Amino acid sequence: MAEHTYHDQVNIDNAVKLRSLLERLPDFCRYFFRGIEPTTSSRTRIAYAYDLRIFFEFLVQTNPSLKNTPITELKVEVLDQIKSVDLEEYLEYLTYYKSEENERINTENGKKRKLVSLRSFYSYYFKKEMIQSNPASLINVPKLHEKEIIRLEIDEVARLLDEVETAQCMTKSQQKYHEKTKARDLALMTLLLGTGIRVSECVGLDINDVDFDNNGIKIRRKGGYEVIVYFGEEVREALLIYLEERNLLTPAEGHTNALFLSLQLKRINVRSVENLVKKYASTITKLKKITPHKLRSTYGTNLYRETGDIYLVADVLGHKDVNTTKKHYAAIEDSRRRSAAKVVRLREKG
């Protein structure tokens, strides 16, 4: 059997997961998921399914006319029974609730995502003339409070990579384990810091996606389209050293093409990369708490500081909307505007 690519396998796994989730939703939901398949990723559809499950749990728990009705028995007509005030109550409910004995808390960001899911859901049935009203369109999206973008300064990047290379701050037992993964970890961390790619794009790389003739890697962005991202000499050197070791390994079946392998000789996964970034960062005194996404922010900051080209940063990071990029790097833009005040002189001082 031919080996599936990482992205194809993710889509297969998500398709199976979605079928399982649909068994716990009203039958009419299948129309919606069929309808949005051409325009959404498999990850997005999974997220929608989870969000809709929470919505229907809320309805059968709080709506007197639906009390104790099995969720799977709900009909599409139930959507017309819901008013905008009911949806406002739902958003308030999301602040804190219990689901399957687990406590759940949602901030503005979590509420916004669930409202977006619900808007898409209602919009589908309204456009298909299966319901008469669309109360979700009447609800204001929760206002998000901007969070400070955490990124590493130049000296912090150097300290982090030094620790990945030397493990000086680690215990003796950690250092012994570190020798087995040093080349891989240094290549992986250098790649993230030197290209700004997402961690999901990184773990999805195959060996033949790396082009040393042009110093580029072929990645698949959100939405499924492929692009080439270019890297510098530091990334090139780290990848070449790692590949000397990688080519001596015999990967597990189904993982032959994977660039980055775990100690089990399988394609490394997102959670493992998150854990290794956390591990190295935690050993360094007074280093910020970082994640792979913060390494991406660090790259974006450095690129913008060096070029001043927000459109280039947006393109390299794979942001579809440059306003997303501007929002993230607004503080740097402000400092650049401030510096402009000192550049232009109207009269020479006597």
Protein backbone atom coordinates (compact mmCIF):
# COMPACT_ATOMS: atom_id res chain seq x y z
CA MET A 1 0.00 0.00 0.00
CA ALA A 2 1.33 3.43 -0.94
CA GLU A 3 2.31 5.68 1.96
CA HIS A 4 -0.09 8.57 2.52
CA THR A 5 1.35 12.06 2.83
CA TYR A 6 1.08 13.65 6.27
CA HIS A 7 -1.67 16.02 5.11
CA ASP A 8 -3.67 13.27 3.41
CA GLN A 9 -3.45 11.14 6.57
CA VAL A 10 -4.63 14.07 8.70
CA ASN A 11 -7.65 14.49 6.39
CA ILE A 12 -8.42 10.77 6.52
CA ASP A 13 -8.22 10.72 10.33
CA ASN A 14 -10.40 13.82 10.56
CA ALA A 15 -12.99 12.35 8.19
CA VAL A 16 -13.28 9.30 10.44
CA LYS A 17 -13.47 11.52 13.52
CA LEU A 18 -16.19 13.69 11.96
CA ARG A 19 -18.34 10.66 11.17
CA SER A 20 -18.08 9.65 14.81
CA LEU A 21 -19.04 13.14 16.01
CA LEU A 22 -22.01 13.31 13.61
CA GLU A 23 -23.51 10.26 15.31
CA ARG A 24 -24.02 12.47 18.39
CA LEU A 25 -25.61 15.37 16.51
CA PRO A 26 -29.10 15.79 14.96
CA ASP A 27 -29.39 14.02 11.64
CA PHE A 28 -30.06 17.26 9.72
CA CYS A 29 -26.52 18.44 10.57
CA ARG A 30 -25.18 16.16 7.85
CA TYR A 31 -26.52 18.56 5.20
CA PHE A 32 -24.46 21.37 6.70
CA PHE A 33 -21.19 19.43 6.82
CA ARG A 34 -21.69 18.20 3.28
CA GLY A 35 -22.39 21.74 2.14
CA ILE A 36 -19.28 23.32 3.69
CA GLU A 37 -16.84 20.57 2.69
CA PRO A 38 -15.60 22.31 -0.51
CA THR A 39 -14.80 25.56 1.32
CA THR A 40 -13.41 24.41 4.69
CA SER A 41 -10.51 22.32 5.98
CA SER A 42 -11.08 19.02 7.76
CA ARG A 43 -9.80 20.63 10.99
CA THR A 44 -12.39 23.40 10.71
CA ARG A 45 -15.22 20.89 10.25
CA ILE A 46 -14.08 18.99 13.35
CA ALA A 47 -14.07 22.26 15.34
CA TYR A 48 -17.59 23.09 14.07
CA ALA A 49 -18.85 19.65 15.13
CA TYR A 50 -17.54 20.11 18.67
CA ASP A 51 -19.03 23.62 18.88
CA LEU A 52 -22.43 22.47 17.64
CA ARG A 53 -22.50 19.63 20.15
CA ILE A 54 -22.10 22.19 22.95
CA PHE A 55 -24.89 24.32 21.45
CA PHE A 56 -27.35 21.44 21.29
CA GLU A 57 -26.42 20.32 24.82
CA PHE A 58 -27.28 23.84 25.97
CA LEU A 59 -30.66 23.72 24.19
CA VAL A 60 -31.84 20.44 25.67
CA GLN A 61 -30.64 21.46 29.14
CA THR A 62 -32.14 24.94 29.28
CA ASN A 63 -35.05 25.20 26.81
CA PRO A 64 -38.27 24.02 28.52
CA SER A 65 -39.85 22.79 25.28
CA LEU A 66 -36.80 20.65 24.51
CA LYS A 67 -36.07 19.44 28.04
CA ASN A 68 -34.63 15.90 28.04
CA THR A 69 -35.10 15.48 24.28
CA PRO A 70 -32.28 13.30 22.88
CA ILE A 71 -30.03 15.53 20.77
CA THR A 72 -30.05 13.06 17.87
CA GLU A 73 -33.85 13.34 17.64
CA LEU A 74 -33.95 17.12 17.16
CA LYS A 75 -35.38 18.32 13.81
CA VAL A 76 -34.26 21.29 11.72
CA GLU A 77 -37.45 23.15 12.73
CA VAL A 78 -35.96 23.60 16.21
CA LEU A 79 -33.68 26.29 14.78
CA ASP A 80 -36.70 28.49 14.09
CA GLN A 81 -37.76 28.25 17.73
CA ILE A 82 -34.55 29.97 18.84
CA LYS A 83 -34.53 33.75 19.21
CA SER A 84 -31.56 36.11 19.39
CA VAL A 85 -32.04 36.47 23.17
CA ASP A 86 -31.62 32.70 23.47
CA LEU A 87 -28.31 32.94 21.67
CA GLU A 88 -27.20 35.76 23.97
CA GLU A 89 -28.05 33.46 26.88
CA TYR A 90 -25.97 30.75 25.18
CA LEU A 91 -22.93 33.06 24.99
CA GLU A 92 -23.34 33.84 28.69
CA TYR A 93 -23.61 30.10 29.41
CA LEU A 94 -20.30 29.53 27.63
CA THR A 95 -18.48 31.63 30.24
CA TYR A 96 -18.62 28.61 32.56
CA TYR A 97 -20.38 25.27 32.15
CA LYS A 98 -19.92 21.57 32.72
CA SER A 99 -19.70 19.06 29.86
CA GLU A 100 -19.48 15.35 30.59
CA GLU A 101 -18.46 16.10 34.19
CA ASN A 102 -15.62 18.41 33.06
CA GLU A 103 -15.62 22.11 33.83
CA ARG A 104 -15.30 24.41 30.81
CA ILE A 105 -14.40 28.09 30.65
CA ASN A 106 -14.49 30.33 27.58
CA THR A 107 -12.88 33.74 27.19
CA GLU A 108 -13.95 36.22 24.51
CA ASN A 109 -11.89 34.32 21.94
CA GLY A 110 -13.62 31.00 22.68
CA LYS A 111 -17.04 32.64 22.57
CA LYS A 112 -16.24 34.34 19.29
CA ARG A 113 -15.22 31.06 17.66
CA LYS A 114 -18.41 29.32 18.80
CA LEU A 115 -20.56 32.20 17.57
CA VAL A 116 -18.80 32.10 14.19
CA SER A 117 -19.58 28.36 14.01
CA LEU A 118 -23.22 29.05 14.83
CA ARG A 119 -23.48 31.89 12.27
CA SER A 120 -22.14 29.62 9.55
CA PHE A 121 -24.55 26.87 10.65
CA TYR A 122 -27.64 29.11 10.63
CA SER A 123 -26.60 30.85 7.41
CA TYR A 124 -26.45 27.52 5.56
CA TYR A 125 -30.03 26.49 6.44
CA PHE A 126 -31.38 30.01 5.91
CA LYS A 127 -29.88 30.23 2.41
CA LYS A 128 -31.22 26.77 1.61
CA GLU A 129 -34.69 28.00 2.74
CA MET A 130 -34.92 25.21 5.31
CA ILE A 131 -35.56 27.73 8.11
CA GLN A 132 -37.42 31.07 8.18
CA SER A 133 -35.13 33.15 10.40
CA ASN A 134 -31.45 33.68 11.12
CA PRO A 135 -31.10 34.97 14.71
CA ALA A 136 -27.35 34.22 14.78
CA SER A 137 -26.76 37.05 12.29
CA LEU A 138 -28.27 39.50 14.81
CA ILE A 139 -25.75 38.77 17.57
CA ASN A 140 -22.71 41.00 17.97
CA VAL A 141 -19.38 39.23 17.91
CA PRO A 142 -17.71 39.45 21.36
CA LYS A 143 -15.09 42.20 21.53
CA LEU A 144 -11.60 40.75 21.82
CA HIS A 145 -9.01 42.31 24.10
CA GLU A 146 -5.70 42.54 22.33
CA LYS A 147 -2.97 40.46 23.95
CA GLU A 148 0.65 41.44 23.95
CA ILE A 149 2.57 39.48 21.33
CA ILE A 150 5.31 37.54 23.12
CA ARG A 151 8.49 37.22 21.08
CA LEU A 152 12.15 36.56 21.79
CA GLU A 153 14.79 39.25 21.61
CA ILE A 154 17.99 38.60 19.64
CA ASP A 155 20.01 37.60 22.72
CA GLU A 156 17.20 35.25 23.85
CA VAL A 157 17.19 33.49 20.47
CA ALA A 158 20.94 32.95 20.79
CA ARG A 159 20.59 31.60 24.34
CA LEU A 160 17.81 29.24 23.28
CA LEU A 161 19.76 27.80 20.33
CA ASP A 162 22.90 27.53 22.47
CA GLU A 163 20.94 25.44 24.97
CA VAL A 164 19.57 23.19 22.22
CA GLU A 165 23.13 22.66 21.01
CA THR A 166 24.94 22.23 24.35
CA ALA A 167 22.31 21.30 26.98
CA GLN A 168 24.42 23.12 29.56
CA CYS A 169 21.46 23.93 31.79
CA MET A 170 20.11 20.37 31.80
CA THR A 171 20.60 17.64 34.38
CA LYS A 172 23.04 14.78 33.73
CA SER A 173 20.22 12.39 32.86
CA GLN A 174 18.67 14.96 30.52
CA GLN A 175 22.03 15.52 28.83
CA LYS A 176 22.41 11.80 28.15
CA TYR A 177 18.99 11.69 26.51
CA HIS A 178 19.71 14.95 24.69
CA GLU A 179 22.60 13.43 22.70
CA LYS A 180 20.09 11.23 20.84
CA THR A 181 17.99 14.15 19.65
CA LYS A 182 20.41 17.12 19.54
CA ALA A 183 20.84 17.28 15.75
CA ARG A 184 17.10 16.85 15.13
CA ASP A 185 16.08 19.39 17.76
CA LEU A 186 18.59 21.99 16.58
CA ALA A 187 17.47 21.58 12.96
CA LEU A 188 13.82 21.80 13.96
CA MET A 189 14.21 24.85 16.22
CA THR A 190 16.48 26.64 13.74
CA LEU A 191 13.95 25.98 10.97
CA LEU A 192 11.06 27.40 13.01
CA LEU A 193 13.05 30.48 14.02
CA GLY A 194 14.56 30.96 10.56
CA THR A 195 11.41 30.64 8.44
CA GLY A 196 8.40 31.42 10.67
CA ILE A 197 6.48 28.36 9.46
CA ARG A 198 3.67 26.96 11.58
CA VAL A 199 4.39 23.88 13.70
CA SER A 200 1.79 21.90 11.70
CA GLU A 201 3.64 22.86 8.49
CA CYS A 202 6.93 21.80 10.07
CA VAL A 203 5.83 18.32 11.17
CA GLY A 204 4.22 17.76 7.77
CA LEU A 205 7.53 18.15 5.91
CA ASP A 206 8.88 15.21 3.91
CA ILE A 207 12.55 14.77 3.03
CA ASN A 208 11.90 15.56 -0.62
CA ASP A 209 10.23 18.85 0.36
CA VAL A 210 13.69 20.27 1.14
CA ASP A 211 15.51 21.79 -1.85
CA PHE A 212 19.14 22.58 -1.02
CA ASP A 213 19.83 23.84 -4.56
CA ASN A 214 17.55 26.81 -3.91
CA ASN A 215 17.51 26.76 -0.10
CA GLY A 216 13.76 26.30 0.03
CA ILE A 217 11.13 24.06 1.59
CA LYS A 218 7.75 23.18 0.10
CA ILE A 219 5.01 23.50 2.67
CA ARG A 220 1.25 23.21 2.62
CA ARG A 221 -0.49 26.23 4.09
CA LYS A 222 -3.87 26.46 5.79
CA GLY A 223 -6.40 25.93 3.03
CA GLY A 224 -4.28 23.26 1.36
CA TYR A 225 -2.26 25.34 -1.10
CA GLU A 226 1.48 24.74 -1.48
CA VAL A 227 4.20 27.40 -1.37
CA ILE A 228 7.99 27.53 -1.26
CA VAL A 229 9.52 29.20 1.79
CA TYR A 230 13.21 30.06 1.59
CA PHE A 231 15.80 29.70 4.35
CA GLY A 232 19.25 31.08 5.12
CA GLU A 233 22.64 29.50 5.71
CA GLU A 234 22.10 28.78 9.42
CA VAL A 235 18.99 26.75 8.63
CA ARG A 236 20.72 25.03 5.72
CA GLU A 237 23.66 23.97 7.90
CA ALA A 238 21.45 22.64 10.71
CA LEU A 239 19.30 20.65 8.24
CA LEU A 240 22.33 19.11 6.51
CA ILE A 241 23.85 17.98 9.83
CA TYR A 242 20.53 16.44 10.90
CA LEU A 243 20.01 14.70 7.55
CA GLU A 244 23.35 12.90 7.94
CA GLU A 245 21.84 11.21 11.00
CA ARG A 246 18.33 10.94 9.54
CA ASN A 247 19.59 9.00 6.50
CA LEU A 248 21.07 6.32 8.78
CA LEU A 249 17.70 5.62 10.44
CA THR A 250 15.09 3.09 9.37
CA PRO A 251 11.70 4.74 9.87
CA ALA A 252 8.64 2.82 11.03
CA GLU A 253 6.27 1.61 8.33
CA GLY A 254 4.20 4.46 6.95
CA HIS A 255 6.73 7.10 8.03
CA THR A 256 9.45 6.56 5.41
CA ASN A 257 9.26 10.03 3.89
CA ALA A 258 8.93 12.07 7.10
CA LEU A 259 11.69 14.64 7.60
CA PHE A 260 11.56 14.85 11.38
CA LEU A 261 11.28 11.55 13.26
CA SER A 262 10.51 10.78 16.89
CA LEU A 263 12.60 8.34 18.95
CA GLN A 264 9.99 5.74 17.94
CA LEU A 265 11.07 6.42 14.33
CA LYS A 266 7.64 7.80 13.46
CA ARG A 267 6.82 11.25 12.10
CA ILE A 268 7.10 13.69 15.00
CA ASN A 269 3.75 15.23 15.94
CA VAL A 270 2.65 18.73 16.91
CA ARG A 271 2.37 17.93 20.62
CA SER A 272 5.93 16.57 20.72
CA VAL A 273 7.30 19.75 19.11
CA GLU A 274 5.35 21.87 21.60
CA ASN A 275 6.83 19.82 24.45
CA LEU A 276 10.42 20.05 23.22
CA VAL A 277 10.17 23.85 22.79
CA LYS A 278 8.80 24.08 26.33
CA LYS A 279 11.55 21.78 27.63
CA TYR A 280 14.42 23.84 26.27
CA ALA A 281 12.86 27.15 27.24
CA SER A 282 12.20 25.98 30.82
CA THR A 283 15.86 25.12 31.44
CA ILE A 284 17.07 28.66 30.69
CA THR A 285 16.95 31.15 33.54
CA LYS A 286 14.62 34.11 33.04
CA LEU A 287 13.57 33.13 29.51
CA LYS A 288 9.98 33.92 28.55
CA LYS A 289 7.46 31.11 28.44
CA ILE A 290 7.40 30.26 24.76
CA THR A 291 5.57 28.02 22.31
CA PRO A 292 6.25 27.19 18.65
CA HIS A 293 3.85 30.01 17.71
CA LYS A 294 5.96 32.49 19.66
CA LEU A 295 8.98 31.37 17.60
CA ARG A 296 6.89 32.28 14.55
CA SER A 297 6.13 35.69 16.06
CA THR A 298 9.84 36.15 16.71
CA TYR A 299 10.65 35.50 13.05
CA GLY A 300 7.91 37.87 11.88
CA THR A 301 9.21 40.60 14.18
CA ASN A 302 12.80 40.20 13.00
CA LEU A 303 11.77 40.18 9.35
CA TYR A 304 9.68 43.33 9.76
CA ARG A 305 12.44 45.13 11.66
CA GLU A 306 14.93 44.31 8.93
CA THR A 307 12.73 45.07 5.90
CA GLY A 308 9.96 47.40 7.10
CA ASP A 309 7.75 45.65 4.50
CA ILE A 310 4.51 44.52 6.16
CA TYR A 311 3.28 42.97 2.90
CA LEU A 312 6.40 40.81 2.64
CA VAL A 313 5.93 39.67 6.26
CA ALA A 314 2.28 38.82 5.55
CA ASP A 315 3.24 36.84 2.45
CA VAL A 316 6.06 34.88 4.10
CA LEU A 317 3.97 34.06 7.17
CA GLY A 318 1.04 32.98 5.01
CA HIS A 319 -1.46 35.55 6.33
CA LYS A 320 -4.34 35.85 3.85
CA ASP A 321 -5.20 39.32 5.15
CA VAL A 322 -2.40 41.86 5.69
CA ASN A 323 -4.53 43.44 8.43
CA THR A 324 -3.87 40.33 10.52
CA THR A 325 -0.16 41.02 10.18
CA LYS A 326 -0.57 44.71 10.94
CA LYS A 327 -2.47 43.86 14.11
CA HIS A 328 0.33 41.59 15.33
CA TYR A 329 3.11 44.05 14.60
CA ALA A 330 1.33 47.30 15.43
CA ALA A 331 3.76 48.12 18.25
CA ILE A 332 6.71 47.96 15.86
CA GLU A 333 4.84 50.08 13.32
CA ASP A 334 4.23 52.68 16.03
CA SER A 335 7.93 52.81 16.96
CA ARG A 336 8.81 53.23 13.27
CA ARG A 337 6.34 56.12 13.00
CA ARG A 338 7.87 57.72 16.08
CA SER A 339 11.35 57.43 14.58
CA ALA A 340 10.08 59.23 11.45
CA ALA A 341 9.55 62.34 13.55
CA LYS A 342 13.29 62.54 14.17
CA VAL A 343 14.38 61.89 10.60
CA VAL A 344 12.93 64.92 8.82
CA ARG A 345 14.48 68.27 9.68
CA LEU A 346 12.92 71.55 8.62
CA ARG A 347 15.84 73.88 9.42
CA GLU A 348 19.44 73.34 10.33
CA LYS A 349 20.26 74.49 13.84
CA GLY A 350 22.40 77.62 13.89
